[in-house]
Amino acid sequence: MTDHPIAAVDEQMRRAIVRGFTRSDLLFIGELCDVTPAATQLGFIAPVAISRSVQDATTVLAGVLGVTTAQALRKLLLSLFNLVRDREFDRDEKAAFTSPGYPYDLFVHAAPTDAGAWFLSVYASGETAALV
């Protein structure tokens, strides 16, 4: 985001609009990016998505570190896996975590679908998460 006042208003309006959307809606419009294939390779059994802000930060971090975006994403997912691997989620909840090299803390939102299956969504700590 930028410090320009119009950009800040646009960001607030965008967040207000997507607040009532479902996870599927957010994936469809690009607010969330499905990273389940990469997460599954690390041992995740629940679908995983990252917000647009986290996706952008991952791309920037990859450029700074001189690695591929996939390698930077893997670092983030390993940090997340260390947080959730021994947890039993019994309700809709979120937890903060850090990942090496990220300019801000992250949080994971764990929630069940209507069918009872669990999913994880990762947001920047300062971000107003659309699903939370």
N, C-alpha and C. Protein backbone atom coordinates (compact mmCIF):
# COMPACT_ATOMS: atom_id res chain seq x y z
N MET A 1 0.84 -1.18 0.00
CA MET A 1 0.00 0.00 0.00
C MET A 1 0.88 1.24 0.00
N THR A 2 0.25 2.34 -0.38
CA THR A 2 0.98 3.60 -0.46
C THR A 2 0.44 4.58 0.58
N ASP A 3 1.18 5.67 0.80
CA ASP A 3 0.74 6.67 1.76
C ASP A 3 -0.21 7.68 1.13
N HIS A 4 -0.46 7.55 -0.15
CA HIS A 4 -1.34 8.48 -0.84
C HIS A 4 -2.77 8.31 -0.31
N PRO A 5 -3.46 9.42 0.07
CA PRO A 5 -4.78 9.31 0.70
C PRO A 5 -5.82 8.63 -0.18
N ILE A 6 -5.80 8.87 -1.47
CA ILE A 6 -6.79 8.23 -2.36
C ILE A 6 -6.55 6.74 -2.41
N ALA A 7 -5.29 6.31 -2.46
CA ALA A 7 -4.98 4.88 -2.47
C ALA A 7 -5.43 4.23 -1.17
N ALA A 8 -5.28 4.92 -0.04
CA ALA A 8 -5.71 4.38 1.25
C ALA A 8 -7.23 4.21 1.27
N VAL A 9 -7.97 5.16 0.73
CA VAL A 9 -9.43 5.06 0.67
C VAL A 9 -9.83 3.92 -0.25
N ASP A 10 -9.16 3.80 -1.40
CA ASP A 10 -9.46 2.71 -2.33
C ASP A 10 -9.23 1.35 -1.66
N GLU A 11 -8.15 1.23 -0.89
CA GLU A 11 -7.85 -0.02 -0.20
C GLU A 11 -8.92 -0.32 0.85
N GLN A 12 -9.36 0.70 1.58
CA GLN A 12 -10.41 0.50 2.59
C GLN A 12 -11.73 0.08 1.92
N MET A 13 -12.05 0.69 0.81
CA MET A 13 -13.28 0.33 0.10
C MET A 13 -13.20 -1.10 -0.43
N ARG A 14 -12.05 -1.46 -0.98
CA ARG A 14 -11.87 -2.82 -1.51
C ARG A 14 -12.05 -3.83 -0.39
N ARG A 15 -11.45 -3.57 0.77
CA ARG A 15 -11.58 -4.48 1.92
C ARG A 15 -13.02 -4.56 2.41
N ALA A 16 -13.72 -3.42 2.43
CA ALA A 16 -15.11 -3.41 2.88
C ALA A 16 -15.98 -4.23 1.94
N ILE A 17 -15.72 -4.15 0.66
CA ILE A 17 -16.52 -4.89 -0.31
C ILE A 17 -16.31 -6.38 -0.18
N VAL A 18 -15.06 -6.83 -0.03
CA VAL A 18 -14.79 -8.26 0.00
C VAL A 18 -15.07 -8.90 1.35
N ARG A 19 -15.34 -8.11 2.36
CA ARG A 19 -15.54 -8.64 3.71
C ARG A 19 -16.62 -9.72 3.79
N GLY A 20 -17.68 -9.59 3.05
CA GLY A 20 -18.76 -10.56 3.12
C GLY A 20 -18.64 -11.71 2.14
N PHE A 21 -17.56 -11.76 1.38
CA PHE A 21 -17.39 -12.81 0.38
C PHE A 21 -16.99 -14.13 1.04
N THR A 22 -17.26 -15.22 0.35
CA THR A 22 -16.82 -16.53 0.81
C THR A 22 -15.36 -16.74 0.40
N ARG A 23 -14.75 -17.76 0.93
CA ARG A 23 -13.38 -18.08 0.56
C ARG A 23 -13.28 -18.36 -0.93
N SER A 24 -14.24 -19.07 -1.47
CA SER A 24 -14.25 -19.36 -2.92
C SER A 24 -14.32 -18.08 -3.73
N ASP A 25 -15.15 -17.13 -3.28
CA ASP A 25 -15.25 -15.83 -3.96
C ASP A 25 -13.89 -15.13 -3.95
N LEU A 26 -13.24 -15.13 -2.78
CA LEU A 26 -11.95 -14.45 -2.65
C LEU A 26 -10.87 -15.09 -3.50
N LEU A 27 -10.90 -16.40 -3.63
CA LEU A 27 -9.96 -17.08 -4.52
C LEU A 27 -10.25 -16.70 -5.97
N PHE A 28 -11.52 -16.64 -6.33
CA PHE A 28 -11.92 -16.34 -7.70
C PHE A 28 -11.51 -14.93 -8.12
N ILE A 29 -11.68 -13.94 -7.22
CA ILE A 29 -11.36 -12.56 -7.59
C ILE A 29 -9.90 -12.19 -7.32
N GLY A 30 -9.12 -13.11 -6.77
CA GLY A 30 -7.70 -12.86 -6.59
C GLY A 30 -7.31 -12.24 -5.27
N GLU A 31 -8.24 -12.11 -4.33
CA GLU A 31 -7.89 -11.60 -3.00
C GLU A 31 -7.09 -12.64 -2.23
N LEU A 32 -7.35 -13.90 -2.48
CA LEU A 32 -6.58 -15.00 -1.93
C LEU A 32 -5.97 -15.78 -3.07
N CYS A 33 -4.78 -16.31 -2.84
CA CYS A 33 -4.08 -17.13 -3.84
C CYS A 33 -3.93 -18.54 -3.26
N ASP A 34 -4.45 -19.53 -3.94
CA ASP A 34 -4.37 -20.91 -3.48
C ASP A 34 -2.94 -21.43 -3.63
N VAL A 35 -2.34 -21.82 -2.52
CA VAL A 35 -0.98 -22.37 -2.54
C VAL A 35 -0.99 -23.82 -2.03
N THR A 36 -2.14 -24.46 -2.13
CA THR A 36 -2.30 -25.82 -1.64
C THR A 36 -1.32 -26.81 -2.27
N PRO A 37 -1.08 -26.75 -3.58
CA PRO A 37 -0.12 -27.72 -4.15
C PRO A 37 1.26 -27.65 -3.48
N ALA A 38 1.78 -26.46 -3.26
CA ALA A 38 3.08 -26.30 -2.59
C ALA A 38 2.99 -26.73 -1.13
N ALA A 39 1.87 -26.41 -0.48
CA ALA A 39 1.69 -26.76 0.93
C ALA A 39 1.58 -28.28 1.11
N THR A 40 0.92 -28.94 0.19
CA THR A 40 0.76 -30.39 0.27
C THR A 40 2.11 -31.09 0.23
N GLN A 41 3.04 -30.57 -0.56
CA GLN A 41 4.38 -31.16 -0.64
C GLN A 41 5.12 -31.09 0.69
N LEU A 42 4.72 -30.16 1.55
CA LEU A 42 5.36 -30.01 2.86
C LEU A 42 4.63 -30.76 3.97
N GLY A 43 3.50 -31.38 3.64
CA GLY A 43 2.78 -32.17 4.63
C GLY A 43 1.44 -31.62 5.08
N PHE A 44 1.02 -30.48 4.55
CA PHE A 44 -0.29 -29.94 4.91
C PHE A 44 -1.38 -30.85 4.37
N ILE A 45 -2.43 -31.05 5.17
CA ILE A 45 -3.57 -31.83 4.69
C ILE A 45 -4.79 -30.94 4.45
N ALA A 46 -4.74 -29.70 4.90
CA ALA A 46 -5.83 -28.74 4.68
C ALA A 46 -5.43 -27.79 3.55
N PRO A 47 -6.40 -27.31 2.78
CA PRO A 47 -6.09 -26.31 1.76
C PRO A 47 -5.50 -25.05 2.39
N VAL A 48 -4.55 -24.41 1.69
CA VAL A 48 -3.88 -23.22 2.20
C VAL A 48 -3.94 -22.13 1.13
N ALA A 49 -4.26 -20.91 1.56
CA ALA A 49 -4.26 -19.76 0.67
C ALA A 49 -3.53 -18.62 1.36
N ILE A 50 -2.96 -17.71 0.55
CA ILE A 50 -2.31 -16.52 1.09
C ILE A 50 -3.01 -15.30 0.50
N SER A 51 -3.03 -14.21 1.26
CA SER A 51 -3.66 -12.98 0.79
C SER A 51 -2.82 -12.35 -0.32
N ARG A 52 -3.43 -11.43 -1.02
CA ARG A 52 -2.73 -10.71 -2.08
C ARG A 52 -1.50 -9.98 -1.52
N SER A 53 -1.63 -9.38 -0.34
CA SER A 53 -0.50 -8.68 0.28
C SER A 53 0.66 -9.62 0.58
N VAL A 54 0.35 -10.80 1.11
CA VAL A 54 1.40 -11.78 1.41
C VAL A 54 2.02 -12.29 0.11
N GLN A 55 1.20 -12.50 -0.90
CA GLN A 55 1.71 -12.94 -2.20
C GLN A 55 2.68 -11.89 -2.77
N ASP A 56 2.29 -10.62 -2.70
CA ASP A 56 3.17 -9.55 -3.19
C ASP A 56 4.47 -9.49 -2.40
N ALA A 57 4.38 -9.62 -1.07
CA ALA A 57 5.57 -9.58 -0.23
C ALA A 57 6.49 -10.77 -0.53
N THR A 58 5.90 -11.91 -0.83
CA THR A 58 6.69 -13.10 -1.18
C THR A 58 7.48 -12.86 -2.46
N THR A 59 6.85 -12.24 -3.44
CA THR A 59 7.52 -11.93 -4.70
C THR A 59 8.66 -10.94 -4.49
N VAL A 60 8.41 -9.90 -3.69
CA VAL A 60 9.45 -8.90 -3.41
C VAL A 60 10.60 -9.55 -2.64
N LEU A 61 10.27 -10.34 -1.62
CA LEU A 61 11.30 -11.02 -0.83
C LEU A 61 12.16 -11.92 -1.71
N ALA A 62 11.54 -12.63 -2.62
CA ALA A 62 12.29 -13.51 -3.54
C ALA A 62 13.30 -12.70 -4.34
N GLY A 63 12.88 -11.53 -4.84
CA GLY A 63 13.79 -10.68 -5.60
C GLY A 63 14.95 -10.17 -4.77
N VAL A 64 14.67 -9.79 -3.54
CA VAL A 64 15.71 -9.28 -2.64
C VAL A 64 16.72 -10.39 -2.31
N LEU A 65 16.21 -11.59 -2.07
CA LEU A 65 17.08 -12.70 -1.69
C LEU A 65 17.74 -13.38 -2.89
N GLY A 66 17.26 -13.06 -4.08
CA GLY A 66 17.81 -13.68 -5.28
C GLY A 66 17.40 -15.14 -5.43
N VAL A 67 16.20 -15.45 -4.97
CA VAL A 67 15.67 -16.81 -5.10
C VAL A 67 14.37 -16.74 -5.89
N THR A 68 13.83 -17.88 -6.23
CA THR A 68 12.55 -17.89 -6.93
C THR A 68 11.42 -17.61 -5.95
N THR A 69 10.29 -17.18 -6.47
CA THR A 69 9.11 -16.95 -5.64
C THR A 69 8.70 -18.25 -4.96
N ALA A 70 8.84 -19.37 -5.66
CA ALA A 70 8.49 -20.67 -5.07
C ALA A 70 9.37 -20.98 -3.86
N GLN A 71 10.65 -20.62 -3.93
CA GLN A 71 11.54 -20.86 -2.79
C GLN A 71 11.18 -19.97 -1.60
N ALA A 72 10.83 -18.71 -1.87
CA ALA A 72 10.41 -17.81 -0.80
C ALA A 72 9.09 -18.28 -0.19
N LEU A 73 8.18 -18.76 -1.03
CA LEU A 73 6.91 -19.29 -0.54
C LEU A 73 7.14 -20.52 0.32
N ARG A 74 8.08 -21.34 -0.06
CA ARG A 74 8.39 -22.54 0.73
C ARG A 74 8.84 -22.15 2.14
N LYS A 75 9.66 -21.10 2.26
CA LYS A 75 10.10 -20.63 3.59
C LYS A 75 8.89 -20.22 4.43
N LEU A 76 7.97 -19.48 3.81
CA LEU A 76 6.77 -19.05 4.52
C LEU A 76 5.96 -20.27 4.96
N LEU A 77 5.76 -21.22 4.05
CA LEU A 77 4.94 -22.39 4.37
C LEU A 77 5.60 -23.27 5.43
N LEU A 78 6.92 -23.35 5.43
CA LEU A 78 7.61 -24.10 6.49
C LEU A 78 7.38 -23.46 7.85
N SER A 79 7.41 -22.13 7.90
CA SER A 79 7.13 -21.42 9.15
C SER A 79 5.70 -21.70 9.61
N LEU A 80 4.78 -21.67 8.67
CA LEU A 80 3.38 -21.95 8.99
C LEU A 80 3.22 -23.40 9.45
N PHE A 81 3.87 -24.32 8.76
CA PHE A 81 3.77 -25.73 9.12
C PHE A 81 4.27 -25.97 10.55
N ASN A 82 5.36 -25.30 10.92
CA ASN A 82 5.87 -25.43 12.29
C ASN A 82 4.86 -24.94 13.32
N LEU A 83 4.05 -23.97 12.94
CA LEU A 83 3.03 -23.44 13.85
C LEU A 83 1.85 -24.40 13.99
N VAL A 84 1.39 -24.97 12.89
CA VAL A 84 0.12 -25.71 12.91
C VAL A 84 0.25 -27.22 13.01
N ARG A 85 1.44 -27.76 12.82
CA ARG A 85 1.55 -29.22 12.71
C ARG A 85 1.10 -29.98 13.96
N ASP A 86 1.26 -29.43 15.13
CA ASP A 86 0.86 -30.12 16.35
C ASP A 86 -0.41 -29.56 16.98
N ARG A 87 -1.10 -28.70 16.25
CA ARG A 87 -2.30 -28.07 16.80
C ARG A 87 -3.56 -28.82 16.38
N GLU A 88 -4.50 -28.84 17.27
CA GLU A 88 -5.83 -29.35 16.98
C GLU A 88 -6.76 -28.15 16.95
N PHE A 89 -7.25 -27.80 15.79
CA PHE A 89 -8.19 -26.70 15.69
C PHE A 89 -9.59 -27.24 15.96
N ASP A 90 -10.27 -26.65 16.92
CA ASP A 90 -11.62 -27.11 17.23
C ASP A 90 -12.66 -26.01 16.99
N ARG A 91 -12.18 -24.85 16.60
CA ARG A 91 -13.09 -23.74 16.31
C ARG A 91 -12.39 -22.79 15.35
N ASP A 92 -13.14 -21.87 14.83
CA ASP A 92 -12.60 -20.83 13.97
C ASP A 92 -11.63 -20.00 14.80
N GLU A 93 -10.36 -19.95 14.41
CA GLU A 93 -9.39 -19.19 15.20
C GLU A 93 -8.26 -18.68 14.32
N LYS A 94 -7.47 -17.78 14.88
CA LYS A 94 -6.30 -17.29 14.17
C LYS A 94 -5.12 -17.24 15.13
N ALA A 95 -3.92 -17.36 14.55
CA ALA A 95 -2.71 -17.37 15.35
C ALA A 95 -1.61 -16.61 14.61
N ALA A 96 -0.83 -15.83 15.36
CA ALA A 96 0.26 -15.06 14.77
C ALA A 96 1.49 -15.95 14.60
N PHE A 97 2.29 -15.66 13.58
CA PHE A 97 3.57 -16.34 13.41
C PHE A 97 4.49 -15.46 12.59
N THR A 98 5.77 -15.78 12.62
CA THR A 98 6.75 -15.04 11.84
C THR A 98 7.38 -15.99 10.82
N SER A 99 7.93 -15.40 9.79
CA SER A 99 8.62 -16.17 8.77
C SER A 99 9.91 -15.42 8.43
N PRO A 100 11.02 -16.14 8.29
CA PRO A 100 12.31 -15.49 8.05
C PRO A 100 12.28 -14.55 6.85
N GLY A 101 12.75 -13.33 7.07
CA GLY A 101 12.87 -12.37 5.98
C GLY A 101 11.64 -11.53 5.70
N TYR A 102 10.50 -11.88 6.27
CA TYR A 102 9.30 -11.10 5.99
C TYR A 102 9.36 -9.77 6.73
N PRO A 103 8.88 -8.70 6.08
CA PRO A 103 8.95 -7.37 6.70
C PRO A 103 7.91 -7.15 7.79
N TYR A 104 7.04 -8.12 8.01
CA TYR A 104 6.01 -8.00 9.03
C TYR A 104 5.60 -9.38 9.50
N ASP A 105 4.93 -9.41 10.66
CA ASP A 105 4.41 -10.68 11.16
C ASP A 105 3.21 -11.09 10.33
N LEU A 106 2.91 -12.36 10.40
CA LEU A 106 1.79 -12.92 9.65
C LEU A 106 0.81 -13.54 10.63
N PHE A 107 -0.40 -13.79 10.18
CA PHE A 107 -1.28 -14.60 10.99
C PHE A 107 -2.04 -15.55 10.09
N VAL A 108 -2.36 -16.70 10.67
CA VAL A 108 -3.10 -17.72 9.95
C VAL A 108 -4.52 -17.75 10.51
N HIS A 109 -5.47 -17.83 9.62
CA HIS A 109 -6.87 -17.98 9.99
C HIS A 109 -7.26 -19.41 9.64
N ALA A 110 -7.60 -20.20 10.65
CA ALA A 110 -8.05 -21.57 10.45
C ALA A 110 -9.55 -21.61 10.67
N ALA A 111 -10.25 -22.16 9.72
CA ALA A 111 -11.71 -22.20 9.83
C ALA A 111 -12.27 -23.41 9.09
N PRO A 112 -13.40 -23.91 9.55
CA PRO A 112 -14.04 -25.02 8.85
C PRO A 112 -14.99 -24.49 7.77
N THR A 113 -15.15 -25.28 6.72
CA THR A 113 -16.17 -24.97 5.71
C THR A 113 -17.52 -25.43 6.25
N ASP A 114 -18.57 -25.15 5.52
CA ASP A 114 -19.89 -25.63 5.93
C ASP A 114 -19.94 -27.16 6.00
N ALA A 115 -19.12 -27.81 5.18
CA ALA A 115 -19.07 -29.27 5.17
C ALA A 115 -18.19 -29.84 6.28
N GLY A 116 -17.51 -28.97 7.03
CA GLY A 116 -16.70 -29.41 8.14
C GLY A 116 -15.22 -29.60 7.84
N ALA A 117 -14.81 -29.44 6.58
CA ALA A 117 -13.39 -29.55 6.23
C ALA A 117 -12.69 -28.25 6.64
N TRP A 118 -11.41 -28.35 7.03
CA TRP A 118 -10.66 -27.19 7.48
C TRP A 118 -9.87 -26.57 6.36
N PHE A 119 -9.64 -25.27 6.43
CA PHE A 119 -8.75 -24.57 5.51
C PHE A 119 -7.97 -23.52 6.29
N LEU A 120 -6.83 -23.13 5.72
CA LEU A 120 -5.97 -22.12 6.33
C LEU A 120 -5.80 -20.97 5.35
N SER A 121 -5.86 -19.75 5.87
CA SER A 121 -5.61 -18.56 5.06
C SER A 121 -4.58 -17.71 5.80
N VAL A 122 -3.56 -17.24 5.09
CA VAL A 122 -2.48 -16.47 5.69
C VAL A 122 -2.61 -15.00 5.29
N TYR A 123 -2.54 -14.12 6.28
CA TYR A 123 -2.65 -12.68 6.08
C TYR A 123 -1.47 -11.97 6.73
N ALA A 124 -1.19 -10.75 6.29
CA ALA A 124 -0.23 -9.90 6.97
C ALA A 124 -0.86 -9.43 8.27
N SER A 125 -0.05 -9.25 9.30
CA SER A 125 -0.59 -8.91 10.63
C SER A 125 -1.35 -7.59 10.63
N GLY A 126 -0.96 -6.62 9.84
CA GLY A 126 -1.65 -5.35 9.81
C GLY A 126 -2.83 -5.32 8.86
N GLU A 127 -3.04 -6.40 8.16
CA GLU A 127 -4.08 -6.46 7.14
C GLU A 127 -5.42 -6.80 7.78
N THR A 128 -6.47 -6.16 7.32
CA THR A 128 -7.81 -6.51 7.77
C THR A 128 -8.26 -7.69 6.91
N ALA A 129 -8.19 -8.85 7.48
CA ALA A 129 -8.49 -10.07 6.72
C ALA A 129 -9.96 -10.12 6.34
N ALA A 130 -10.21 -10.48 5.10
CA ALA A 130 -11.57 -10.50 4.59
C ALA A 130 -12.42 -11.57 5.25
N LEU A 131 -11.81 -12.64 5.69
CA LEU A 131 -12.59 -13.74 6.27
C LEU A 131 -12.61 -13.75 7.78
N VAL A 132 -11.90 -12.83 8.40
CA VAL A 132 -11.81 -12.88 9.86
C VAL A 132 -12.71 -11.84 10.48
